[in-house]
Amino acid sequence: MSTKPPSLTERRKAATQLDIARAAAELFTERGPDGTTAEDIAQRAGVALRTFYRYFRSKQDAVAPLLAGGADRWRDQLAAAGPGARLPEALERSIAASLAAADAEAAEGLLWTRGLLRAAAEDPALRAVWYRVNQESEEKLREVLAGLAGPEADPLEIRLAAAAATDAIRIALEAWAESDAPVRGEGSPAALAVRCLRELMGGMRLLGDAGAGGRSGE
């Protein structure tokens, strides 16, 4: 599953998209989506409006790179487990690590996600972006899980496992965003996601032995 490293042009493009996404998230948090225009986002990000529309179709679409970044890192961590890894443990470790808020940057990313999910509660277009990001993540996750599980794995079980893992994180983040729980410890995204994962995949043959070591999610 090795991929070619991104070119300098691709890295610059990704950096610009992330700058725009952060500007959009800041403004949505400050003013709400209704109080924010694409022009406002472009100005905050320091780019021309035509540059904004080169990358994004709408103001809500602009936050997609920020919402997708955590899922990208999670799949990279999971893929690093390598073929033959026990999927239950590999999934739990990678989910817990990706949501652990291990440093200030990761904690800030979770807080941005909380603000966006709260804004999405009142904005159907922003919710649609969130659901699309999760659907795209689930599709990419199937490939990673298939590589870890090996060629003998049942494709239907791979799809179910990808759906369960993706939904575990989605539901955990949504539940956390509705609360004032901290980014670490009890009630945090990592703890909630591990709990959700164990509940969702308990009946799957491919993943059914997850959580045998305990239920704490720590």
N, C-alpha and C. Protein backbone atom coordinates (compact mmCIF):
# COMPACT_ATOMS: atom_id res chain seq x y z
N MET A 1 0.81 -1.20 0.00
CA MET A 1 0.00 0.00 0.00
C MET A 1 0.86 1.27 0.00
N SER A 2 2.13 1.14 -0.42
CA SER A 2 2.99 2.31 -0.46
C SER A 2 2.52 3.26 -1.53
N THR A 3 2.71 4.55 -1.26
CA THR A 3 2.31 5.59 -2.20
C THR A 3 3.48 6.50 -2.47
N LYS A 4 3.45 7.16 -3.61
CA LYS A 4 4.49 8.10 -3.99
C LYS A 4 4.40 9.34 -3.12
N PRO A 5 5.53 9.83 -2.58
CA PRO A 5 5.48 11.04 -1.75
C PRO A 5 4.94 12.22 -2.56
N PRO A 6 4.19 13.11 -1.90
CA PRO A 6 3.63 14.25 -2.63
C PRO A 6 4.72 15.19 -3.13
N SER A 7 4.48 15.78 -4.27
CA SER A 7 5.42 16.73 -4.84
C SER A 7 5.36 18.05 -4.07
N LEU A 8 6.31 18.94 -4.35
CA LEU A 8 6.32 20.25 -3.71
C LEU A 8 5.04 21.02 -4.04
N THR A 9 4.60 20.92 -5.28
CA THR A 9 3.36 21.61 -5.69
C THR A 9 2.16 21.06 -4.92
N GLU A 10 2.11 19.75 -4.76
CA GLU A 10 1.00 19.13 -4.02
C GLU A 10 1.04 19.52 -2.56
N ARG A 11 2.24 19.62 -1.98
CA ARG A 11 2.35 20.02 -0.58
C ARG A 11 1.91 21.47 -0.39
N ARG A 12 2.28 22.32 -1.34
CA ARG A 12 1.86 23.73 -1.25
C ARG A 12 0.35 23.86 -1.39
N LYS A 13 -0.22 23.10 -2.30
CA LYS A 13 -1.67 23.11 -2.48
C LYS A 13 -2.36 22.67 -1.20
N ALA A 14 -1.88 21.58 -0.59
CA ALA A 14 -2.47 21.08 0.64
C ALA A 14 -2.34 22.10 1.77
N ALA A 15 -1.19 22.80 1.83
CA ALA A 15 -0.99 23.80 2.87
C ALA A 15 -1.96 24.97 2.70
N THR A 16 -2.17 25.38 1.45
CA THR A 16 -3.11 26.46 1.19
C THR A 16 -4.53 26.05 1.56
N GLN A 17 -4.91 24.83 1.20
CA GLN A 17 -6.24 24.34 1.55
C GLN A 17 -6.44 24.30 3.06
N LEU A 18 -5.40 23.89 3.79
CA LEU A 18 -5.51 23.81 5.24
C LEU A 18 -5.59 25.21 5.86
N ASP A 19 -4.85 26.17 5.30
CA ASP A 19 -4.95 27.55 5.77
C ASP A 19 -6.38 28.08 5.60
N ILE A 20 -6.97 27.80 4.44
CA ILE A 20 -8.34 28.23 4.19
C ILE A 20 -9.30 27.53 5.14
N ALA A 21 -9.07 26.24 5.37
CA ALA A 21 -9.94 25.47 6.27
C ALA A 21 -9.89 26.03 7.68
N ARG A 22 -8.70 26.36 8.16
CA ARG A 22 -8.59 26.92 9.51
C ARG A 22 -9.26 28.29 9.59
N ALA A 23 -9.11 29.09 8.55
CA ALA A 23 -9.78 30.39 8.53
C ALA A 23 -11.29 30.22 8.58
N ALA A 24 -11.80 29.27 7.80
CA ALA A 24 -13.24 29.01 7.81
C ALA A 24 -13.70 28.54 9.19
N ALA A 25 -12.93 27.65 9.81
CA ALA A 25 -13.31 27.15 11.13
C ALA A 25 -13.33 28.28 12.16
N GLU A 26 -12.34 29.15 12.11
CA GLU A 26 -12.30 30.29 13.04
C GLU A 26 -13.54 31.15 12.88
N LEU A 27 -13.88 31.47 11.64
CA LEU A 27 -15.02 32.34 11.39
C LEU A 27 -16.34 31.68 11.73
N PHE A 28 -16.47 30.39 11.42
CA PHE A 28 -17.69 29.68 11.78
C PHE A 28 -17.87 29.66 13.29
N THR A 29 -16.77 29.50 14.02
CA THR A 29 -16.83 29.49 15.48
C THR A 29 -17.20 30.87 16.03
N GLU A 30 -16.64 31.90 15.40
CA GLU A 30 -16.88 33.27 15.87
C GLU A 30 -18.27 33.78 15.49
N ARG A 31 -18.67 33.52 14.23
CA ARG A 31 -19.87 34.16 13.69
C ARG A 31 -20.96 33.19 13.28
N GLY A 32 -20.62 31.89 13.19
CA GLY A 32 -21.55 30.93 12.64
C GLY A 32 -21.50 30.93 11.13
N PRO A 33 -21.90 29.84 10.48
CA PRO A 33 -21.86 29.79 9.01
C PRO A 33 -22.71 30.88 8.36
N ASP A 34 -23.87 31.19 8.95
CA ASP A 34 -24.73 32.20 8.34
C ASP A 34 -24.10 33.58 8.35
N GLY A 35 -23.25 33.83 9.33
CA GLY A 35 -22.60 35.13 9.43
C GLY A 35 -21.26 35.21 8.73
N THR A 36 -20.94 34.20 7.96
CA THR A 36 -19.64 34.12 7.29
C THR A 36 -19.85 33.97 5.78
N THR A 37 -19.06 34.69 5.00
CA THR A 37 -19.10 34.55 3.55
C THR A 37 -17.80 33.95 3.05
N ALA A 38 -17.82 33.51 1.81
CA ALA A 38 -16.58 33.01 1.19
C ALA A 38 -15.54 34.12 1.13
N GLU A 39 -15.99 35.36 0.88
CA GLU A 39 -15.06 36.49 0.86
C GLU A 39 -14.39 36.67 2.22
N ASP A 40 -15.17 36.52 3.29
CA ASP A 40 -14.59 36.64 4.64
C ASP A 40 -13.50 35.59 4.86
N ILE A 41 -13.78 34.37 4.44
CA ILE A 41 -12.82 33.28 4.63
C ILE A 41 -11.55 33.55 3.83
N ALA A 42 -11.70 33.94 2.58
CA ALA A 42 -10.53 34.22 1.74
C ALA A 42 -9.69 35.33 2.35
N GLN A 43 -10.36 36.37 2.85
CA GLN A 43 -9.62 37.49 3.46
C GLN A 43 -8.88 37.03 4.70
N ARG A 44 -9.54 36.25 5.55
CA ARG A 44 -8.89 35.76 6.77
C ARG A 44 -7.71 34.85 6.44
N ALA A 45 -7.82 34.07 5.38
CA ALA A 45 -6.75 33.16 4.99
C ALA A 45 -5.64 33.84 4.20
N GLY A 46 -5.89 35.08 3.77
CA GLY A 46 -4.88 35.81 3.00
C GLY A 46 -4.74 35.34 1.57
N VAL A 47 -5.86 34.89 0.98
CA VAL A 47 -5.83 34.46 -0.42
C VAL A 47 -6.90 35.21 -1.20
N ALA A 48 -6.77 35.20 -2.51
CA ALA A 48 -7.78 35.83 -3.36
C ALA A 48 -9.05 34.97 -3.38
N LEU A 49 -10.18 35.60 -3.64
CA LEU A 49 -11.44 34.85 -3.69
C LEU A 49 -11.40 33.79 -4.79
N ARG A 50 -10.75 34.11 -5.90
CA ARG A 50 -10.66 33.11 -6.99
C ARG A 50 -9.84 31.90 -6.54
N THR A 51 -8.87 32.12 -5.65
CA THR A 51 -8.10 30.99 -5.11
C THR A 51 -9.00 30.13 -4.24
N PHE A 52 -9.84 30.78 -3.43
CA PHE A 52 -10.79 30.02 -2.62
C PHE A 52 -11.63 29.11 -3.50
N TYR A 53 -12.21 29.65 -4.56
CA TYR A 53 -13.10 28.86 -5.40
C TYR A 53 -12.35 27.88 -6.30
N ARG A 54 -11.05 28.03 -6.42
CA ARG A 54 -10.27 27.04 -7.14
C ARG A 54 -10.25 25.72 -6.36
N TYR A 55 -10.31 25.82 -5.04
CA TYR A 55 -10.21 24.65 -4.19
C TYR A 55 -11.54 24.17 -3.61
N PHE A 56 -12.47 25.09 -3.41
CA PHE A 56 -13.71 24.74 -2.70
C PHE A 56 -14.94 25.28 -3.42
N ARG A 57 -16.02 24.50 -3.35
CA ARG A 57 -17.25 24.87 -4.03
C ARG A 57 -18.10 25.80 -3.20
N SER A 58 -17.96 25.76 -1.88
CA SER A 58 -18.80 26.56 -1.00
C SER A 58 -18.04 26.87 0.28
N LYS A 59 -18.59 27.77 1.09
CA LYS A 59 -17.93 28.11 2.35
C LYS A 59 -17.92 26.91 3.30
N GLN A 60 -18.98 26.13 3.31
CA GLN A 60 -19.00 24.95 4.18
C GLN A 60 -17.99 23.91 3.73
N ASP A 61 -17.83 23.77 2.43
CA ASP A 61 -16.89 22.78 1.89
C ASP A 61 -15.46 23.09 2.31
N ALA A 62 -15.19 24.34 2.66
CA ALA A 62 -13.82 24.75 2.98
C ALA A 62 -13.27 24.07 4.22
N VAL A 63 -14.12 23.59 5.12
CA VAL A 63 -13.61 22.98 6.35
C VAL A 63 -13.29 21.50 6.18
N ALA A 64 -13.58 20.92 5.02
CA ALA A 64 -13.37 19.49 4.82
C ALA A 64 -11.94 19.04 5.12
N PRO A 65 -10.89 19.77 4.68
CA PRO A 65 -9.53 19.30 4.98
C PRO A 65 -9.25 19.23 6.48
N LEU A 66 -9.83 20.14 7.24
CA LEU A 66 -9.62 20.13 8.68
C LEU A 66 -10.32 18.93 9.31
N LEU A 67 -11.53 18.64 8.87
CA LEU A 67 -12.28 17.50 9.40
C LEU A 67 -11.67 16.16 8.98
N ALA A 68 -11.06 16.13 7.78
CA ALA A 68 -10.51 14.88 7.26
C ALA A 68 -9.11 14.58 7.75
N GLY A 69 -8.41 15.60 8.26
CA GLY A 69 -7.01 15.41 8.63
C GLY A 69 -6.79 14.34 9.68
N GLY A 70 -7.64 14.31 10.70
CA GLY A 70 -7.50 13.30 11.74
C GLY A 70 -7.70 11.89 11.22
N ALA A 71 -8.66 11.72 10.31
CA ALA A 71 -8.92 10.40 9.74
C ALA A 71 -7.74 9.94 8.88
N ASP A 72 -7.12 10.87 8.18
CA ASP A 72 -5.95 10.53 7.37
C ASP A 72 -4.82 10.01 8.26
N ARG A 73 -4.58 10.69 9.37
CA ARG A 73 -3.51 10.26 10.29
C ARG A 73 -3.84 8.92 10.92
N TRP A 74 -5.11 8.73 11.26
CA TRP A 74 -5.54 7.47 11.86
C TRP A 74 -5.29 6.31 10.91
N ARG A 75 -5.67 6.45 9.63
CA ARG A 75 -5.47 5.35 8.68
C ARG A 75 -3.99 5.08 8.47
N ASP A 76 -3.15 6.11 8.48
CA ASP A 76 -1.71 5.90 8.34
C ASP A 76 -1.17 5.08 9.51
N GLN A 77 -1.63 5.41 10.72
CA GLN A 77 -1.20 4.66 11.90
C GLN A 77 -1.66 3.21 11.83
N LEU A 78 -2.88 3.01 11.38
CA LEU A 78 -3.41 1.65 11.28
C LEU A 78 -2.65 0.85 10.23
N ALA A 79 -2.39 1.45 9.08
CA ALA A 79 -1.67 0.75 8.02
C ALA A 79 -0.27 0.33 8.47
N ALA A 80 0.33 1.12 9.37
CA ALA A 80 1.68 0.82 9.84
C ALA A 80 1.72 -0.45 10.67
N ALA A 81 0.55 -0.95 11.11
CA ALA A 81 0.54 -2.21 11.87
C ALA A 81 1.03 -3.37 11.02
N GLY A 82 0.81 -3.30 9.70
CA GLY A 82 1.32 -4.31 8.80
C GLY A 82 0.43 -5.53 8.67
N PRO A 83 0.55 -6.26 7.56
CA PRO A 83 -0.26 -7.47 7.34
C PRO A 83 -0.05 -8.48 8.46
N GLY A 84 -1.13 -9.14 8.83
CA GLY A 84 -1.06 -10.14 9.88
C GLY A 84 -1.33 -9.61 11.27
N ALA A 85 -1.43 -8.28 11.40
CA ALA A 85 -1.74 -7.71 12.71
C ALA A 85 -3.15 -8.11 13.14
N ARG A 86 -3.36 -8.28 14.42
CA ARG A 86 -4.70 -8.60 14.92
C ARG A 86 -5.54 -7.33 14.85
N LEU A 87 -6.58 -7.38 14.05
CA LEU A 87 -7.35 -6.18 13.77
C LEU A 87 -7.99 -5.54 14.99
N PRO A 88 -8.57 -6.28 15.90
CA PRO A 88 -9.18 -5.61 17.05
C PRO A 88 -8.21 -4.72 17.80
N GLU A 89 -7.04 -5.27 18.13
CA GLU A 89 -6.05 -4.49 18.86
C GLU A 89 -5.49 -3.35 18.02
N ALA A 90 -5.25 -3.62 16.73
CA ALA A 90 -4.71 -2.59 15.85
C ALA A 90 -5.68 -1.42 15.71
N LEU A 91 -6.96 -1.72 15.57
CA LEU A 91 -7.97 -0.66 15.45
C LEU A 91 -8.05 0.14 16.75
N GLU A 92 -8.12 -0.55 17.87
CA GLU A 92 -8.22 0.17 19.14
C GLU A 92 -7.01 1.07 19.37
N ARG A 93 -5.81 0.53 19.13
CA ARG A 93 -4.60 1.32 19.36
C ARG A 93 -4.57 2.55 18.46
N SER A 94 -4.89 2.35 17.18
CA SER A 94 -4.79 3.46 16.24
C SER A 94 -5.85 4.52 16.51
N ILE A 95 -7.06 4.09 16.88
CA ILE A 95 -8.12 5.05 17.20
C ILE A 95 -7.77 5.83 18.46
N ALA A 96 -7.35 5.11 19.50
CA ALA A 96 -6.99 5.79 20.75
C ALA A 96 -5.84 6.77 20.53
N ALA A 97 -4.83 6.36 19.75
CA ALA A 97 -3.69 7.22 19.51
C ALA A 97 -4.07 8.45 18.70
N SER A 98 -4.93 8.28 17.69
CA SER A 98 -5.28 9.40 16.82
C SER A 98 -6.15 10.43 17.53
N LEU A 99 -6.85 10.01 18.59
CA LEU A 99 -7.74 10.93 19.32
C LEU A 99 -7.20 11.29 20.70
N ALA A 100 -5.96 10.95 20.96
CA ALA A 100 -5.43 11.08 22.32
C ALA A 100 -5.07 12.50 22.73
N ALA A 101 -5.04 13.44 21.80
CA ALA A 101 -4.64 14.81 22.12
C ALA A 101 -3.29 14.80 22.84
N ALA A 102 -2.33 14.12 22.23
CA ALA A 102 -1.03 13.91 22.86
C ALA A 102 -0.21 15.19 22.97
N ASP A 103 -0.50 16.18 22.15
CA ASP A 103 0.23 17.45 22.22
C ASP A 103 -0.76 18.60 21.98
N ALA A 104 -0.24 19.81 22.07
CA ALA A 104 -1.10 21.00 21.96
C ALA A 104 -1.77 21.09 20.60
N GLU A 105 -1.04 20.72 19.55
CA GLU A 105 -1.61 20.79 18.20
C GLU A 105 -2.78 19.83 18.04
N ALA A 106 -2.62 18.61 18.57
CA ALA A 106 -3.70 17.63 18.46
C ALA A 106 -4.91 18.06 19.29
N ALA A 107 -4.67 18.62 20.47
CA ALA A 107 -5.77 19.10 21.30
C ALA A 107 -6.51 20.23 20.61
N GLU A 108 -5.76 21.11 19.97
CA GLU A 108 -6.38 22.23 19.26
C GLU A 108 -7.25 21.72 18.11
N GLY A 109 -6.76 20.68 17.41
CA GLY A 109 -7.53 20.11 16.32
C GLY A 109 -8.86 19.54 16.79
N LEU A 110 -8.86 18.89 17.95
CA LEU A 110 -10.11 18.36 18.49
C LEU A 110 -11.06 19.48 18.87
N LEU A 111 -10.53 20.56 19.42
CA LEU A 111 -11.39 21.68 19.79
C LEU A 111 -11.99 22.35 18.55
N TRP A 112 -11.22 22.41 17.46
CA TRP A 112 -11.78 22.93 16.20
C TRP A 112 -12.92 22.03 15.74
N THR A 113 -12.70 20.73 15.84
CA THR A 113 -13.75 19.79 15.42
C THR A 113 -15.00 19.97 16.27
N ARG A 114 -14.83 20.15 17.57
CA ARG A 114 -15.99 20.38 18.43
C ARG A 114 -16.76 21.62 17.98
N GLY A 115 -16.04 22.71 17.72
CA GLY A 115 -16.72 23.92 17.28
C GLY A 115 -17.46 23.74 15.98
N LEU A 116 -16.86 23.02 15.04
CA LEU A 116 -17.50 22.79 13.75
C LEU A 116 -18.73 21.90 13.88
N LEU A 117 -18.64 20.87 14.70
CA LEU A 117 -19.79 19.98 14.88
C LEU A 117 -20.94 20.70 15.58
N ARG A 118 -20.62 21.59 16.48
CA ARG A 118 -21.68 22.38 17.11
C ARG A 118 -22.32 23.32 16.09
N ALA A 119 -21.51 23.92 15.24
CA ALA A 119 -22.06 24.78 14.20
C ALA A 119 -22.89 23.98 13.21
N ALA A 120 -22.48 22.74 12.94
CA ALA A 120 -23.19 21.89 11.97
C ALA A 120 -24.58 21.54 12.44
N ALA A 121 -24.81 21.58 13.76
CA ALA A 121 -26.13 21.24 14.29
C ALA A 121 -27.21 22.16 13.74
N GLU A 122 -26.81 23.38 13.36
CA GLU A 122 -27.77 24.36 12.84
C GLU A 122 -27.57 24.63 11.36
N ASP A 123 -26.69 23.88 10.70
CA ASP A 123 -26.38 24.18 9.31
C ASP A 123 -26.35 22.88 8.50
N PRO A 124 -27.41 22.59 7.73
CA PRO A 124 -27.47 21.33 6.96
C PRO A 124 -26.30 21.16 5.99
N ALA A 125 -25.85 22.25 5.37
CA ALA A 125 -24.75 22.13 4.41
C ALA A 125 -23.46 21.72 5.09
N LEU A 126 -23.24 22.24 6.30
CA LEU A 126 -22.04 21.86 7.05
C LEU A 126 -22.14 20.42 7.51
N ARG A 127 -23.33 19.97 7.92
CA ARG A 127 -23.52 18.56 8.28
C ARG A 127 -23.25 17.66 7.09
N ALA A 128 -23.66 18.09 5.91
CA ALA A 128 -23.43 17.29 4.70
C ALA A 128 -21.94 17.10 4.44
N VAL A 129 -21.15 18.15 4.70
CA VAL A 129 -19.70 18.03 4.54
C VAL A 129 -19.14 17.02 5.54
N TRP A 130 -19.61 17.05 6.77
CA TRP A 130 -19.17 16.11 7.81
C TRP A 130 -19.48 14.68 7.41
N TYR A 131 -20.70 14.45 6.94
CA TYR A 131 -21.08 13.09 6.54
C TYR A 131 -20.28 12.64 5.31
N ARG A 132 -20.02 13.55 4.39
CA ARG A 132 -19.23 13.19 3.21
C ARG A 132 -17.80 12.82 3.60
N VAL A 133 -17.21 13.59 4.50
CA VAL A 133 -15.85 13.29 4.97
C VAL A 133 -15.80 11.89 5.59
N ASN A 134 -16.82 11.55 6.37
CA ASN A 134 -16.86 10.22 6.99
C ASN A 134 -17.06 9.12 5.96
N GLN A 135 -17.89 9.36 4.96
CA GLN A 135 -18.10 8.35 3.93
C GLN A 135 -16.82 8.11 3.14
N GLU A 136 -16.12 9.18 2.79
CA GLU A 136 -14.86 9.04 2.06
C GLU A 136 -13.82 8.32 2.91
N SER A 137 -13.80 8.61 4.21
CA SER A 137 -12.86 7.94 5.11
C SER A 137 -13.15 6.45 5.19
N GLU A 138 -14.44 6.10 5.26
CA GLU A 138 -14.82 4.69 5.32
C GLU A 138 -14.37 3.94 4.07
N GLU A 139 -14.53 4.56 2.91
CA GLU A 139 -14.12 3.91 1.66
C GLU A 139 -12.61 3.70 1.62
N LYS A 140 -11.84 4.67 2.08
CA LYS A 140 -10.39 4.52 2.12
C LYS A 140 -9.97 3.47 3.15
N LEU A 141 -10.73 3.40 4.25
CA LEU A 141 -10.40 2.45 5.30
C LEU A 141 -10.55 1.01 4.83
N ARG A 142 -11.49 0.75 3.95
CA ARG A 142 -11.67 -0.62 3.44
C ARG A 142 -10.36 -1.16 2.85
N GLU A 143 -9.68 -0.33 2.08
CA GLU A 143 -8.43 -0.77 1.45
C GLU A 143 -7.37 -1.10 2.51
N VAL A 144 -7.29 -0.25 3.54
CA VAL A 144 -6.32 -0.49 4.61
C VAL A 144 -6.64 -1.80 5.33
N LEU A 145 -7.90 -1.99 5.69
CA LEU A 145 -8.29 -3.21 6.41
C LEU A 145 -8.08 -4.46 5.56
N ALA A 146 -8.38 -4.35 4.27
CA ALA A 146 -8.17 -5.50 3.39
C ALA A 146 -6.69 -5.89 3.36
N GLY A 147 -5.80 -4.89 3.33
CA GLY A 147 -4.38 -5.18 3.34
C GLY A 147 -3.92 -5.83 4.63
N LEU A 148 -4.51 -5.42 5.75
CA LEU A 148 -4.13 -6.00 7.04
C LEU A 148 -4.71 -7.39 7.23
N ALA A 149 -5.94 -7.59 6.77
CA ALA A 149 -6.63 -8.86 7.00
C ALA A 149 -6.15 -9.96 6.06
N GLY A 150 -5.65 -9.60 4.90
CA GLY A 150 -5.15 -10.60 3.97
C GLY A 150 -6.19 -11.02 2.94
N PRO A 151 -5.76 -11.72 1.89
CA PRO A 151 -6.64 -12.04 0.76
C PRO A 151 -7.76 -13.02 1.09
N GLU A 152 -7.65 -13.73 2.19
CA GLU A 152 -8.68 -14.71 2.55
C GLU A 152 -9.85 -14.09 3.29
N ALA A 153 -9.73 -12.84 3.67
CA ALA A 153 -10.79 -12.20 4.46
C ALA A 153 -12.05 -12.01 3.62
N ASP A 154 -13.20 -12.14 4.25
CA ASP A 154 -14.49 -11.96 3.60
C ASP A 154 -14.69 -10.48 3.29
N PRO A 155 -14.89 -10.11 2.01
CA PRO A 155 -15.07 -8.69 1.65
C PRO A 155 -16.23 -8.03 2.40
N LEU A 156 -17.29 -8.80 2.68
CA LEU A 156 -18.41 -8.21 3.41
C LEU A 156 -17.99 -7.86 4.83
N GLU A 157 -17.19 -8.73 5.46
CA GLU A 157 -16.72 -8.43 6.80
C GLU A 157 -15.78 -7.23 6.80
N ILE A 158 -15.00 -7.08 5.76
CA ILE A 158 -14.14 -5.90 5.64
C ILE A 158 -14.99 -4.64 5.59
N ARG A 159 -16.06 -4.67 4.79
CA ARG A 159 -16.94 -3.50 4.69
C ARG A 159 -17.61 -3.20 6.02
N LEU A 160 -18.05 -4.25 6.71
CA LEU A 160 -18.70 -4.04 8.01
C LEU A 160 -17.71 -3.47 9.03
N ALA A 161 -16.48 -3.97 9.01
CA ALA A 161 -15.47 -3.48 9.95
C ALA A 161 -15.14 -2.02 9.68
N ALA A 162 -15.03 -1.66 8.40
CA ALA A 162 -14.75 -0.27 8.04
C ALA A 162 -15.88 0.64 8.49
N ALA A 163 -17.10 0.18 8.29
CA ALA A 163 -18.26 0.98 8.70
C ALA A 163 -18.29 1.14 10.22
N ALA A 164 -18.05 0.04 10.94
CA ALA A 164 -18.08 0.10 12.40
C ALA A 164 -17.01 1.03 12.95
N ALA A 165 -15.79 0.92 12.42
CA ALA A 165 -14.71 1.75 12.93
C ALA A 165 -14.95 3.23 12.62
N THR A 166 -15.41 3.51 11.41
CA THR A 166 -15.68 4.90 11.04
C THR A 166 -16.80 5.48 11.88
N ASP A 167 -17.87 4.71 12.06
CA ASP A 167 -18.99 5.19 12.86
C ASP A 167 -18.61 5.34 14.33
N ALA A 168 -17.73 4.49 14.82
CA ALA A 168 -17.29 4.62 16.21
C ALA A 168 -16.67 5.99 16.46
N ILE A 169 -15.81 6.41 15.54
CA ILE A 169 -15.17 7.72 15.70
C ILE A 169 -16.19 8.84 15.48
N ARG A 170 -17.02 8.70 14.46
CA ARG A 170 -18.01 9.75 14.17
C ARG A 170 -18.94 9.96 15.37
N ILE A 171 -19.51 8.87 15.88
CA ILE A 171 -20.45 8.98 17.00
C ILE A 171 -19.74 9.52 18.24
N ALA A 172 -18.52 9.06 18.48
CA ALA A 172 -17.77 9.54 19.64
C ALA A 172 -17.54 11.05 19.56
N LEU A 173 -17.12 11.53 18.41
CA LEU A 173 -16.86 12.96 18.26
C LEU A 173 -18.14 13.77 18.37
N GLU A 174 -19.22 13.26 17.80
CA GLU A 174 -20.49 13.97 17.89
C GLU A 174 -20.97 14.04 19.34
N ALA A 175 -20.88 12.92 20.07
CA ALA A 175 -21.30 12.90 21.47
C ALA A 175 -20.43 13.82 22.31
N TRP A 176 -19.13 13.79 22.05
CA TRP A 176 -18.21 14.66 22.79
C TRP A 176 -18.48 16.13 22.50
N ALA A 177 -18.78 16.45 21.24
CA ALA A 177 -19.05 17.84 20.86
C ALA A 177 -20.29 18.38 21.56
N GLU A 178 -21.23 17.50 21.89
CA GLU A 178 -22.46 17.92 22.57
C GLU A 178 -22.24 18.13 24.07
N SER A 179 -21.07 17.75 24.55
CA SER A 179 -20.77 17.85 25.97
C SER A 179 -19.68 18.90 26.19
N ASP A 180 -19.31 19.07 27.46
CA ASP A 180 -18.18 19.92 27.80
C ASP A 180 -17.03 19.09 28.36
N ALA A 181 -17.00 17.80 28.00
CA ALA A 181 -15.95 16.91 28.48
C ALA A 181 -14.59 17.37 27.96
N PRO A 182 -13.52 17.03 28.67
CA PRO A 182 -12.19 17.46 28.24
C PRO A 182 -11.68 16.66 27.04
N VAL A 183 -10.54 17.08 26.52
CA VAL A 183 -9.95 16.38 25.37
C VAL A 183 -9.21 15.12 25.80
N ARG A 184 -8.96 14.98 27.09
CA ARG A 184 -8.28 13.79 27.61
C ARG A 184 -9.05 13.24 28.81
N GLY A 185 -8.88 11.93 29.06
CA GLY A 185 -9.48 11.33 30.24
C GLY A 185 -10.92 10.89 30.02
N GLU A 186 -11.66 10.81 31.12
CA GLU A 186 -13.02 10.32 31.06
C GLU A 186 -13.90 11.22 30.19
N GLY A 187 -14.66 10.58 29.29
CA GLY A 187 -15.54 11.33 28.41
C GLY A 187 -14.86 11.96 27.22
N SER A 188 -13.57 11.72 27.07
CA SER A 188 -12.82 12.30 25.95
C SER A 188 -13.13 11.56 24.65
N PRO A 189 -12.77 12.15 23.51
CA PRO A 189 -13.00 11.46 22.23
C PRO A 189 -12.36 10.08 22.17
N ALA A 190 -11.13 9.93 22.68
CA ALA A 190 -10.46 8.63 22.62
C ALA A 190 -11.22 7.59 23.43
N ALA A 191 -11.62 7.95 24.66
CA ALA A 191 -12.34 6.99 25.50
C ALA A 191 -13.68 6.62 24.90
N LEU A 192 -14.40 7.61 24.39
CA LEU A 192 -15.70 7.34 23.79
C LEU A 192 -15.57 6.50 22.53
N ALA A 193 -14.56 6.78 21.71
CA ALA A 193 -14.41 6.05 20.45
C ALA A 193 -14.09 4.58 20.69
N VAL A 194 -13.23 4.29 21.66
CA VAL A 194 -12.92 2.89 21.98
C VAL A 194 -14.17 2.18 22.49
N ARG A 195 -14.93 2.85 23.34
CA ARG A 195 -16.18 2.26 23.83
C ARG A 195 -17.14 1.98 22.67
N CYS A 196 -17.30 2.95 21.78
CA CYS A 196 -18.20 2.76 20.63
C CYS A 196 -17.72 1.62 19.74
N LEU A 197 -16.41 1.56 19.51
CA LEU A 197 -15.85 0.52 18.66
C LEU A 197 -16.16 -0.86 19.22
N ARG A 198 -15.95 -1.05 20.52
CA ARG A 198 -16.18 -2.36 21.14
C ARG A 198 -17.66 -2.74 21.05
N GLU A 199 -18.53 -1.78 21.25
CA GLU A 199 -19.97 -2.07 21.17
C GLU A 199 -20.38 -2.43 19.75
N LEU A 200 -19.88 -1.68 18.77
CA LEU A 200 -20.32 -1.87 17.39
C LEU A 200 -19.79 -3.15 16.77
N MET A 201 -18.59 -3.57 17.14
CA MET A 201 -18.01 -4.71 16.44
C MET A 201 -18.05 -6.00 17.25
N GLY A 202 -18.81 -6.01 18.33
CA GLY A 202 -18.87 -7.19 19.16
C GLY A 202 -19.43 -8.42 18.46
N GLY A 203 -20.31 -8.25 17.47
CA GLY A 203 -20.91 -9.39 16.80
C GLY A 203 -20.25 -9.79 15.50
N MET A 204 -19.09 -9.18 15.16
CA MET A 204 -18.43 -9.48 13.89
C MET A 204 -17.37 -10.56 14.07
N ARG A 205 -17.35 -11.53 13.19
CA ARG A 205 -16.35 -12.59 13.27
C ARG A 205 -14.94 -12.03 13.10
N LEU A 206 -14.78 -11.08 12.18
CA LEU A 206 -13.46 -10.53 11.90
C LEU A 206 -12.92 -9.76 13.10
N LEU A 207 -13.82 -9.16 13.87
CA LEU A 207 -13.39 -8.26 14.95
C LEU A 207 -14.00 -8.63 16.30
N GLY A 208 -14.65 -9.77 16.37
CA GLY A 208 -15.46 -10.07 17.53
C GLY A 208 -14.72 -10.32 18.81
N ASP A 209 -13.40 -10.49 18.76
CA ASP A 209 -12.68 -10.72 20.01
C ASP A 209 -12.09 -9.46 20.57
N ALA A 210 -12.53 -8.29 20.05
CA ALA A 210 -12.02 -7.03 20.55
C ALA A 210 -12.47 -6.82 21.98
N GLY A 211 -11.65 -6.07 22.68
CA GLY A 211 -12.03 -5.69 24.04
C GLY A 211 -11.87 -6.79 25.06
N ALA A 212 -11.23 -7.90 24.69
CA ALA A 212 -11.12 -9.00 25.64
C ALA A 212 -10.28 -8.62 26.85
N GLY A 213 -9.41 -7.62 26.63
CA GLY A 213 -8.53 -7.24 27.72
C GLY A 213 -9.15 -6.27 28.69
N GLY A 214 -10.37 -5.84 28.49
CA GLY A 214 -10.98 -4.90 29.43
C GLY A 214 -11.90 -3.96 28.72
N ARG A 215 -12.57 -3.10 29.48
CA ARG A 215 -13.56 -2.19 28.94
C ARG A 215 -13.25 -0.74 29.28
N SER A 216 -12.08 -0.44 29.72
CA SER A 216 -11.81 0.90 30.22
C SER A 216 -11.61 1.90 29.11
N GLY A 217 -10.99 1.46 27.97
CA GLY A 217 -10.67 2.39 26.89
C GLY A 217 -9.51 3.29 27.20
N GLU A 218 -8.82 3.04 28.33
CA GLU A 218 -7.70 3.90 28.68
C GLU A 218 -6.49 3.57 27.84
